[in-house]
Amino acid sequence: MPIGPPDHTATGRCLTPVMARLDPKDLETLDALITAGIVSNRAEGVLWALARIRERPAYTQLREHIGKIDELKAQF
């Protein structure tokens, strides 16, 4: 759920702030990415992880299925 308006200035991208509740293992994972120099902060770590998900073929298949579901919804 967004917690504020989209931010167009930070990176030139349209970024929407969100709030998430993470458990200690999630925070440990994000902090490991920071320590390794892969990302510079936790927000960047979440963006990095989401980008990796989008690269996977299963995500493409998921999006295709969502498109089909949307088409079916429109018929009702």
PDB file of N, CA and C in Angstrom:
ATOM      1  N   MET A   1       0.851  -1.174   0.000  1.00  0.00           N
ATOM      2  CA  MET A   1       0.000   0.000   0.000  1.00  0.00           C
ATOM      3  C   MET A   1       0.899   1.239   0.000  1.00  0.00           C
ATOM      4  N   PRO A   2       0.738   2.130  -0.985  1.00  0.00           N
ATOM      5  CA  PRO A   2       1.572   3.323  -1.052  1.00  0.00           C
ATOM      6  C   PRO A   2       1.412   4.197   0.182  1.00  0.00           C
ATOM      7  N   ILE A   3       2.504   4.838   0.596  1.00  0.00           N
ATOM      8  CA  ILE A   3       2.442   5.738   1.749  1.00  0.00           C
ATOM      9  C   ILE A   3       2.688   7.180   1.359  1.00  0.00           C
ATOM     10  N   GLY A   4       2.788   7.454   0.096  1.00  0.00           N
ATOM     11  CA  GLY A   4       3.001   8.821  -0.342  1.00  0.00           C
ATOM     12  C   GLY A   4       2.908   8.912  -1.852  1.00  0.00           C
ATOM     13  N   PRO A   5       3.063  10.120  -2.376  1.00  0.00           N
ATOM     14  CA  PRO A   5       2.967  10.292  -3.829  1.00  0.00           C
ATOM     15  C   PRO A   5       4.211   9.739  -4.526  1.00  0.00           C
ATOM     16  N   PRO A   6       4.083   9.407  -5.812  1.00  0.00           N
ATOM     17  CA  PRO A   6       5.247   8.938  -6.563  1.00  0.00           C
ATOM     18  C   PRO A   6       6.367   9.972  -6.547  1.00  0.00           C
ATOM     19  N   ASP A   7       7.602   9.485  -6.562  1.00  0.00           N
ATOM     20  CA  ASP A   7       8.789  10.342  -6.562  1.00  0.00           C
ATOM     21  C   ASP A   7       9.426  10.268  -7.937  1.00  0.00           C
ATOM     22  N   HIS A   8       9.423  11.382  -8.660  1.00  0.00           N
ATOM     23  CA  HIS A   8       9.998  11.423 -10.005  1.00  0.00           C
ATOM     24  C   HIS A   8      11.393  12.035 -10.013  1.00  0.00           C
ATOM     25  N   THR A   9      11.874  12.493  -8.877  1.00  0.00           N
ATOM     26  CA  THR A   9      13.118  13.254  -8.877  1.00  0.00           C
ATOM     27  C   THR A   9      14.348  12.451  -8.482  1.00  0.00           C
ATOM     28  N   ALA A  10      14.207  11.458  -7.646  1.00  0.00           N
ATOM     29  CA  ALA A  10      15.370  10.759  -7.093  1.00  0.00           C
ATOM     30  C   ALA A  10      16.207  10.073  -8.167  1.00  0.00           C
ATOM     31  N   THR A  11      15.578   9.365  -9.084  1.00  0.00           N
ATOM     32  CA  THR A  11      16.334   8.597 -10.071  1.00  0.00           C
ATOM     33  C   THR A  11      15.875   8.857 -11.490  1.00  0.00           C
ATOM     34  N   GLY A  12      14.924   9.744 -11.662  1.00  0.00           N
ATOM     35  CA  GLY A  12      14.350   9.947 -12.975  1.00  0.00           C
ATOM     36  C   GLY A  12      13.263   8.924 -13.273  1.00  0.00           C
ATOM     37  N   ARG A  13      13.105   7.944 -12.399  1.00  0.00           N
ATOM     38  CA  ARG A  13      12.056   6.938 -12.537  1.00  0.00           C
ATOM     39  C   ARG A  13      10.870   7.358 -11.682  1.00  0.00           C
ATOM     40  N   CYS A  14       9.698   6.860 -12.026  1.00  0.00           N
ATOM     41  CA  CYS A  14       8.510   7.110 -11.215  1.00  0.00           C
ATOM     42  C   CYS A  14       8.498   6.077 -10.093  1.00  0.00           C
ATOM     43  N   LEU A  15       8.909   6.467  -8.908  1.00  0.00           N
ATOM     44  CA  LEU A  15       8.989   5.567  -7.764  1.00  0.00           C
ATOM     45  C   LEU A  15       7.913   5.913  -6.747  1.00  0.00           C
ATOM     46  N   THR A  16       7.191   4.915  -6.285  1.00  0.00           N
ATOM     47  CA  THR A  16       6.143   5.095  -5.292  1.00  0.00           C
ATOM     48  C   THR A  16       6.616   4.535  -3.964  1.00  0.00           C
ATOM     49  N   PRO A  17       6.642   5.344  -2.918  1.00  0.00           N
ATOM     50  CA  PRO A  17       7.069   4.828  -1.611  1.00  0.00           C
ATOM     51  C   PRO A  17       6.055   3.815  -1.082  1.00  0.00           C
ATOM     52  N   VAL A  18       6.549   2.740  -0.495  1.00  0.00           N
ATOM     53  CA  VAL A  18       5.697   1.725   0.125  1.00  0.00           C
ATOM     54  C   VAL A  18       6.276   1.354   1.486  1.00  0.00           C
ATOM     55  N   MET A  19       5.421   0.802   2.318  1.00  0.00           N
ATOM     56  CA  MET A  19       5.862   0.348   3.636  1.00  0.00           C
ATOM     57  C   MET A  19       5.763  -1.166   3.652  1.00  0.00           C
ATOM     58  N   ALA A  20       6.748  -1.828   4.211  1.00  0.00           N
ATOM     59  CA  ALA A  20       6.722  -3.288   4.300  1.00  0.00           C
ATOM     60  C   ALA A  20       7.186  -3.714   5.682  1.00  0.00           C
ATOM     61  N   ARG A  21       6.608  -4.791   6.155  1.00  0.00           N
ATOM     62  CA  ARG A  21       7.046  -5.367   7.427  1.00  0.00           C
ATOM     63  C   ARG A  21       7.932  -6.555   7.103  1.00  0.00           C
ATOM     64  N   LEU A  22       9.165  -6.507   7.539  1.00  0.00           N
ATOM     65  CA  LEU A  22      10.138  -7.553   7.253  1.00  0.00           C
ATOM     66  C   LEU A  22      10.566  -8.228   8.542  1.00  0.00           C
ATOM     67  N   ASP A  23      10.774  -9.526   8.452  1.00  0.00           N
ATOM     68  CA  ASP A  23      11.252 -10.227   9.644  1.00  0.00           C
ATOM     69  C   ASP A  23      12.782 -10.140   9.694  1.00  0.00           C
ATOM     70  N   PRO A  24      13.393 -10.583  10.782  1.00  0.00           N
ATOM     71  CA  PRO A  24      14.847 -10.465  10.930  1.00  0.00           C
ATOM     72  C   PRO A  24      15.643 -11.120   9.793  1.00  0.00           C
ATOM     73  N   LYS A  25      15.158 -12.234   9.242  1.00  0.00           N
ATOM     74  CA  LYS A  25      15.876 -12.874   8.131  1.00  0.00           C
ATOM     75  C   LYS A  25      15.852 -12.004   6.886  1.00  0.00           C
ATOM     76  N   ASP A  26      14.719 -11.344   6.631  1.00  0.00           N
ATOM     77  CA  ASP A  26      14.622 -10.441   5.486  1.00  0.00           C
ATOM     78  C   ASP A  26      15.593  -9.274   5.644  1.00  0.00           C
ATOM     79  N   LEU A  27      15.626  -8.696   6.840  1.00  0.00           N
ATOM     80  CA  LEU A  27      16.548  -7.586   7.096  1.00  0.00           C
ATOM     81  C   LEU A  27      17.997  -8.046   6.967  1.00  0.00           C
ATOM     82  N   GLU A  28      18.279  -9.253   7.446  1.00  0.00           N
ATOM     83  CA  GLU A  28      19.631  -9.806   7.337  1.00  0.00           C
ATOM     84  C   GLU A  28      20.030  -9.953   5.865  1.00  0.00           C
ATOM     85  N   THR A  29      19.082 -10.386   5.041  1.00  0.00           N
ATOM     86  CA  THR A  29      19.350 -10.535   3.610  1.00  0.00           C
ATOM     87  C   THR A  29      19.645  -9.183   2.975  1.00  0.00           C
ATOM     88  N   LEU A  30      18.811  -8.197   3.267  1.00  0.00           N
ATOM     89  CA  LEU A  30      19.045  -6.860   2.718  1.00  0.00           C
ATOM     90  C   LEU A  30      20.376  -6.291   3.194  1.00  0.00           C
ATOM     91  N   ASP A  31      20.672  -6.469   4.476  1.00  0.00           N
ATOM     92  CA  ASP A  31      21.926  -5.950   5.017  1.00  0.00           C
ATOM     93  C   ASP A  31      23.140  -6.664   4.415  1.00  0.00           C
ATOM     94  N   ALA A  32      22.990  -7.948   4.073  1.00  0.00           N
ATOM     95  CA  ALA A  32      24.083  -8.668   3.415  1.00  0.00           C
ATOM     96  C   ALA A  32      24.350  -8.077   2.031  1.00  0.00           C
ATOM     97  N   LEU A  33      23.285  -7.700   1.313  1.00  0.00           N
ATOM     98  CA  LEU A  33      23.464  -7.061   0.007  1.00  0.00           C
ATOM     99  C   LEU A  33      24.183  -5.728   0.152  1.00  0.00           C
ATOM    100  N   ILE A  34      23.867  -5.006   1.219  1.00  0.00           N
ATOM    101  CA  ILE A  34      24.533  -3.724   1.486  1.00  0.00           C
ATOM    102  C   ILE A  34      26.000  -3.955   1.826  1.00  0.00           C
ATOM    103  N   THR A  35      26.263  -4.897   2.721  1.00  0.00           N
ATOM    104  CA  THR A  35      27.637  -5.186   3.143  1.00  0.00           C
ATOM    105  C   THR A  35      28.488  -5.633   1.959  1.00  0.00           C
ATOM    106  N   ALA A  36      27.894  -6.406   1.052  1.00  0.00           N
ATOM    107  CA  ALA A  36      28.620  -6.895  -0.122  1.00  0.00           C
ATOM    108  C   ALA A  36      28.815  -5.814  -1.177  1.00  0.00           C
ATOM    109  N   GLY A  37      28.171  -4.664  -0.988  1.00  0.00           N
ATOM    110  CA  GLY A  37      28.316  -3.572  -1.945  1.00  0.00           C
ATOM    111  C   GLY A  37      27.428  -3.709  -3.167  1.00  0.00           C
ATOM    112  N   ILE A  38      26.458  -4.612  -3.123  1.00  0.00           N
ATOM    113  CA  ILE A  38      25.556  -4.808  -4.258  1.00  0.00           C
ATOM    114  C   ILE A  38      24.542  -3.675  -4.332  1.00  0.00           C
ATOM    115  N   VAL A  39      24.082  -3.225  -3.165  1.00  0.00           N
ATOM    116  CA  VAL A  39      23.163  -2.090  -3.073  1.00  0.00           C
ATOM    117  C   VAL A  39      23.664  -1.169  -1.972  1.00  0.00           C
ATOM    118  N   SER A  40      23.172   0.064  -1.971  1.00  0.00           N
ATOM    119  CA  SER A  40      23.663   1.008  -0.961  1.00  0.00           C
ATOM    120  C   SER A  40      22.728   1.178   0.234  1.00  0.00           C
ATOM    121  N   ASN A  41      21.474   0.715   0.092  1.00  0.00           N
ATOM    122  CA  ASN A  41      20.548   0.819   1.216  1.00  0.00           C
ATOM    123  C   ASN A  41      19.439  -0.216   1.055  1.00  0.00           C
ATOM    124  N   ARG A  42      18.594  -0.339   2.062  1.00  0.00           N
ATOM    125  CA  ARG A  42      17.545  -1.365   2.052  1.00  0.00           C
ATOM    126  C   ARG A  42      16.528  -1.149   0.942  1.00  0.00           C
ATOM    127  N   ALA A  43      16.153   0.090   0.697  1.00  0.00           N
ATOM    128  CA  ALA A  43      15.184   0.365  -0.372  1.00  0.00           C
ATOM    129  C   ALA A  43      15.757  -0.084  -1.719  1.00  0.00           C
ATOM    130  N   GLU A  44      17.014   0.213  -1.948  1.00  0.00           N
ATOM    131  CA  GLU A  44      17.673  -0.209  -3.180  1.00  0.00           C
ATOM    132  C   GLU A  44      17.740  -1.737  -3.253  1.00  0.00           C
ATOM    133  N   GLY A  45      17.910  -2.386  -2.103  1.00  0.00           N
ATOM    134  CA  GLY A  45      17.946  -3.842  -2.055  1.00  0.00           C
ATOM    135  C   GLY A  45      16.634  -4.461  -2.480  1.00  0.00           C
ATOM    136  N   VAL A  46      15.540  -3.867  -2.047  1.00  0.00           N
ATOM    137  CA  VAL A  46      14.224  -4.368  -2.447  1.00  0.00           C
ATOM    138  C   VAL A  46      14.044  -4.188  -3.953  1.00  0.00           C
ATOM    139  N   LEU A  47      14.426  -3.031  -4.478  1.00  0.00           N
ATOM    140  CA  LEU A  47      14.338  -2.800  -5.920  1.00  0.00           C
ATOM    141  C   LEU A  47      15.189  -3.807  -6.689  1.00  0.00           C
ATOM    142  N   TRP A  48      16.390  -4.081  -6.185  1.00  0.00           N
ATOM    143  CA  TRP A  48      17.299  -5.039  -6.813  1.00  0.00           C
ATOM    144  C   TRP A  48      16.652  -6.425  -6.854  1.00  0.00           C
ATOM    145  N   ALA A  49      16.068  -6.856  -5.732  1.00  0.00           N
ATOM    146  CA  ALA A  49      15.442  -8.176  -5.661  1.00  0.00           C
ATOM    147  C   ALA A  49      14.253  -8.274  -6.619  1.00  0.00           C
ATOM    148  N   LEU A  50      13.440  -7.240  -6.686  1.00  0.00           N
ATOM    149  CA  LEU A  50      12.298  -7.253  -7.597  1.00  0.00           C
ATOM    150  C   LEU A  50      12.754  -7.318  -9.044  1.00  0.00           C
ATOM    151  N   ALA A  51      13.824  -6.620  -9.371  1.00  0.00           N
ATOM    152  CA  ALA A  51      14.360  -6.671 -10.735  1.00  0.00           C
ATOM    153  C   ALA A  51      14.809  -8.085 -11.081  1.00  0.00           C
ATOM    154  N   ARG A  52      15.422  -8.791 -10.125  1.00  0.00           N
ATOM    155  CA  ARG A  52      15.852 -10.184 -10.370  1.00  0.00           C
ATOM    156  C   ARG A  52      14.647 -11.072 -10.636  1.00  0.00           C
ATOM    157  N   ILE A  53      13.557 -10.853  -9.914  1.00  0.00           N
ATOM    158  CA  ILE A  53      12.337 -11.643 -10.124  1.00  0.00           C
ATOM    159  C   ILE A  53      11.801 -11.417 -11.534  1.00  0.00           C
ATOM    160  N   ARG A  54      11.784 -10.151 -11.982  1.00  0.00           N
ATOM    161  CA  ARG A  54      11.258  -9.836 -13.313  1.00  0.00           C
ATOM    162  C   ARG A  54      12.071 -10.486 -14.420  1.00  0.00           C
ATOM    163  N   GLU A  55      13.335 -10.818 -14.160  1.00  0.00           N
ATOM    164  CA  GLU A  55      14.190 -11.441 -15.170  1.00  0.00           C
ATOM    165  C   GLU A  55      13.886 -12.927 -15.368  1.00  0.00           C
ATOM    166  N   ARG A  56      13.172 -13.531 -14.459  1.00  0.00           N
ATOM    167  CA  ARG A  56      12.922 -14.978 -14.500  1.00  0.00           C
ATOM    168  C   ARG A  56      11.784 -15.313 -15.476  1.00  0.00           C
ATOM    169  N   PRO A  57      11.941 -16.388 -16.249  1.00  0.00           N
ATOM    170  CA  PRO A  57      10.885 -16.785 -17.195  1.00  0.00           C
ATOM    171  C   PRO A  57       9.535 -17.023 -16.510  1.00  0.00           C
ATOM    172  N   ALA A  58       9.538 -17.528 -15.296  1.00  0.00           N
ATOM    173  CA  ALA A  58       8.275 -17.788 -14.596  1.00  0.00           C
ATOM    174  C   ALA A  58       7.497 -16.491 -14.397  1.00  0.00           C
ATOM    175  N   TYR A  59       8.185 -15.378 -14.226  1.00  0.00           N
ATOM    176  CA  TYR A  59       7.489 -14.103 -14.050  1.00  0.00           C
ATOM    177  C   TYR A  59       6.762 -13.721 -15.337  1.00  0.00           C
ATOM    178  N   THR A  60       7.399 -13.961 -16.468  1.00  0.00           N
ATOM    179  CA  THR A  60       6.756 -13.680 -17.756  1.00  0.00           C
ATOM    180  C   THR A  60       5.496 -14.515 -17.898  1.00  0.00           C
ATOM    181  N   GLN A  61       5.571 -15.785 -17.522  1.00  0.00           N
ATOM    182  CA  GLN A  61       4.404 -16.657 -17.582  1.00  0.00           C
ATOM    183  C   GLN A  61       3.303 -16.153 -16.644  1.00  0.00           C
ATOM    184  N   LEU A  62       3.694 -15.724 -15.466  1.00  0.00           N
ATOM    185  CA  LEU A  62       2.733 -15.188 -14.513  1.00  0.00           C
ATOM    186  C   LEU A  62       2.005 -13.992 -15.098  1.00  0.00           C
ATOM    187  N   ARG A  63       2.747 -13.078 -15.702  1.00  0.00           N
ATOM    188  CA  ARG A  63       2.144 -11.888 -16.305  1.00  0.00           C
ATOM    189  C   ARG A  63       1.162 -12.273 -17.419  1.00  0.00           C
ATOM    190  N   GLU A  64       1.509 -13.300 -18.200  1.00  0.00           N
ATOM    191  CA  GLU A  64       0.613 -13.755 -19.264  1.00  0.00           C
ATOM    192  C   GLU A  64      -0.697 -14.286 -18.666  1.00  0.00           C
ATOM    193  N   HIS A  65      -0.592 -15.047 -17.594  1.00  0.00           N
ATOM    194  CA  HIS A  65      -1.785 -15.576 -16.938  1.00  0.00           C
ATOM    195  C   HIS A  65      -2.633 -14.455 -16.353  1.00  0.00           C
ATOM    196  N   ILE A  66      -1.995 -13.464 -15.793  1.00  0.00           N
ATOM    197  CA  ILE A  66      -2.729 -12.319 -15.249  1.00  0.00           C
ATOM    198  C   ILE A  66      -3.487 -11.615 -16.366  1.00  0.00           C
ATOM    199  N   GLY A  67      -2.850 -11.478 -17.533  1.00  0.00           N
ATOM    200  CA  GLY A  67      -3.517 -10.865 -18.679  1.00  0.00           C
ATOM    201  C   GLY A  67      -4.761 -11.629 -19.080  1.00  0.00           C
ATOM    202  N   LYS A  68      -4.682 -12.964 -19.071  1.00  0.00           N
ATOM    203  CA  LYS A  68      -5.837 -13.789 -19.400  1.00  0.00           C
ATOM    204  C   LYS A  68      -6.945 -13.622 -18.367  1.00  0.00           C
ATOM    205  N   ILE A  69      -6.572 -13.557 -17.093  1.00  0.00           N
ATOM    206  CA  ILE A  69      -7.549 -13.358 -16.036  1.00  0.00           C
ATOM    207  C   ILE A  69      -8.239 -12.013 -16.205  1.00  0.00           C
ATOM    208  N   ASP A  70      -7.460 -10.975 -16.527  1.00  0.00           N
ATOM    209  CA  ASP A  70      -8.043  -9.649 -16.752  1.00  0.00           C
ATOM    210  C   ASP A  70      -9.041  -9.674 -17.910  1.00  0.00           C
ATOM    211  N   GLU A  71      -8.700 -10.419 -18.979  1.00  0.00           N
ATOM    212  CA  GLU A  71      -9.624 -10.531 -20.117  1.00  0.00           C
ATOM    213  C   GLU A  71     -10.932 -11.205 -19.683  1.00  0.00           C
ATOM    214  N   LEU A  72     -10.824 -12.260 -18.879  1.00  0.00           N
ATOM    215  CA  LEU A  72     -12.023 -12.950 -18.407  1.00  0.00           C
ATOM    216  C   LEU A  72     -12.868 -12.040 -17.507  1.00  0.00           C
ATOM    217  N   LYS A  73     -12.218 -11.283 -16.645  1.00  0.00           N
ATOM    218  CA  LYS A  73     -12.946 -10.357 -15.768  1.00  0.00           C
ATOM    219  C   LYS A  73     -13.725  -9.340 -16.595  1.00  0.00           C
ATOM    220  N   ALA A  74     -13.126  -8.878 -17.672  1.00  0.00           N
ATOM    221  CA  ALA A  74     -13.773  -7.863 -18.505  1.00  0.00           C
ATOM    222  C   ALA A  74     -15.039  -8.406 -19.160  1.00  0.00           C
ATOM    223  N   GLN A  75     -15.138  -9.710 -19.311  1.00  0.00           N
ATOM    224  CA  GLN A  75     -16.313 -10.303 -19.942  1.00  0.00           C
ATOM    225  C   GLN A  75     -17.510 -10.335 -18.994  1.00  0.00           C
ATOM    226  N   PHE A  76     -17.267 -10.113 -17.701  1.00  0.00           N
ATOM    227  CA  PHE A  76     -18.376 -10.133 -16.757  1.00  0.00           C
ATOM    228  C   PHE A  76     -18.912  -8.761 -16.620  1.00  0.00           C
TER     229      PHE A  76
END
